[in-house]
Amino acid sequence: MRLSERKIRYLSHKLTAWLAGRKDVELLERDDVIELAVARAMVQELRLEDDLDDEVEKVLKTYQTQIRGQNMDMSVLRLKIKNQLAREKGIDL
């Protein structure tokens, strides 16, 4: 996961505070409940993306010998594979 637990707590707090300060938003739960829900959603999304990255690495490893001989930019190939897998799984990046 690319974000620490501390950073996730910080961001969920900032987002909740921002929502609470808006006049067009009515919070139906206490701030701490909303912060926890936001943090959980962030962790879930980050894990989903980590799993996708792991799958990309598996695909690259599977085709490693073919890729070596073709002089391809690995970062571009990694991004293309990730986007394709995300589309197939219905994941918005």
Protein backbone atom coordinates (compact mmCIF):
# COMPACT_ATOMS: atom_id res chain seq x y z
CA MET A 1 0.00 0.00 0.00
CA ARG A 2 1.37 3.36 -0.97
CA LEU A 3 -0.13 5.35 1.90
CA SER A 4 0.68 4.88 5.55
CA GLU A 5 -2.08 4.38 8.11
CA ARG A 6 -1.24 7.82 9.49
CA LYS A 7 -1.65 9.45 6.07
CA ILE A 8 -4.97 7.66 5.50
CA ARG A 9 -6.27 8.88 8.88
CA TYR A 10 -5.10 12.41 8.04
CA LEU A 11 -6.77 12.42 4.63
CA SER A 12 -10.02 10.95 5.93
CA HIS A 13 -10.07 13.59 8.67
CA LYS A 14 -9.45 16.41 6.16
CA LEU A 15 -12.14 15.12 3.80
CA THR A 16 -14.67 14.78 6.61
CA ALA A 17 -13.86 18.27 7.89
CA TRP A 18 -14.26 19.65 4.37
CA LEU A 19 -17.64 17.95 3.99
CA ALA A 20 -18.78 19.15 7.42
CA GLY A 21 -17.89 22.72 6.48
CA ARG A 22 -20.02 22.74 3.36
CA LYS A 23 -23.47 24.29 3.57
CA ASP A 24 -24.86 22.00 0.86
CA VAL A 25 -23.89 18.80 2.73
CA GLU A 26 -25.68 17.37 5.74
CA LEU A 27 -23.75 14.71 7.61
CA LEU A 28 -26.04 12.02 8.99
CA GLU A 29 -23.43 10.48 11.31
CA ARG A 30 -20.84 11.76 13.75
CA ASP A 31 -17.56 12.93 12.24
CA ASP A 32 -15.59 10.01 13.70
CA VAL A 33 -17.96 7.48 12.09
CA ILE A 34 -17.63 9.19 8.72
CA GLU A 35 -13.83 9.39 9.04
CA LEU A 36 -13.69 5.67 9.73
CA ALA A 37 -15.90 4.89 6.72
CA VAL A 38 -13.76 7.09 4.46
CA ALA A 39 -10.56 5.48 5.74
CA ARG A 40 -11.96 1.99 5.16
CA ALA A 41 -12.99 2.91 1.62
CA MET A 42 -9.52 4.32 0.93
CA VAL A 43 -7.82 1.16 2.23
CA GLN A 44 -10.14 -1.01 0.15
CA GLU A 45 -9.36 0.97 -3.02
CA LEU A 46 -5.62 0.91 -2.33
CA ARG A 47 -5.69 -2.86 -1.80
CA LEU A 48 -7.64 -3.29 -5.02
CA GLU A 49 -5.00 -1.34 -6.89
CA ASP A 50 -2.19 -3.27 -5.17
CA ASP A 51 -3.83 -6.53 -6.27
CA LEU A 52 -4.06 -5.18 -9.80
CA ASP A 53 -0.37 -4.22 -9.72
CA ASP A 54 0.49 -7.75 -8.55
CA GLU A 55 -1.46 -9.19 -11.45
CA VAL A 56 0.36 -6.89 -13.88
CA GLU A 57 3.70 -8.16 -12.57
CA LYS A 58 2.55 -11.77 -13.04
CA VAL A 59 1.60 -11.06 -16.66
CA LEU A 60 4.96 -9.37 -17.28
CA LYS A 61 6.80 -12.29 -15.74
CA THR A 62 4.85 -14.75 -17.89
CA TYR A 63 5.88 -12.97 -21.09
CA GLN A 64 9.32 -11.93 -19.88
CA THR A 65 11.29 -13.75 -22.61
CA GLN A 66 9.19 -12.30 -25.44
CA ILE A 67 9.37 -8.80 -23.97
CA ARG A 68 13.16 -8.81 -23.65
CA GLY A 69 13.73 -9.28 -27.35
CA GLN A 70 11.39 -6.49 -28.44
CA ASN A 71 13.05 -3.40 -26.95
CA MET A 72 9.88 -2.24 -25.17
CA ASP A 73 9.58 0.47 -22.55
CA MET A 74 8.58 -1.49 -19.44
CA SER A 75 6.80 1.43 -17.77
CA VAL A 76 4.60 1.98 -20.83
CA LEU A 77 3.92 -1.75 -21.14
CA ARG A 78 3.11 -1.99 -17.41
CA LEU A 79 0.64 0.90 -17.71
CA LYS A 80 -1.03 -0.61 -20.80
CA ILE A 81 -1.45 -3.98 -19.12
CA LYS A 82 -2.79 -2.35 -15.95
CA ASN A 83 -5.33 -0.32 -17.91
CA GLN A 84 -6.43 -3.39 -19.88
CA LEU A 85 -6.85 -5.51 -16.73
CA ALA A 86 -8.73 -2.69 -15.01
CA ARG A 87 -11.11 -2.40 -17.98
CA GLU A 88 -11.69 -6.15 -17.99
CA LYS A 89 -12.46 -6.13 -14.26
CA GLY A 90 -14.59 -2.98 -14.40
CA ILE A 91 -12.18 -1.01 -12.20
CA ASP A 92 -11.95 2.74 -12.60
CA LEU A 93 -8.42 4.02 -12.15
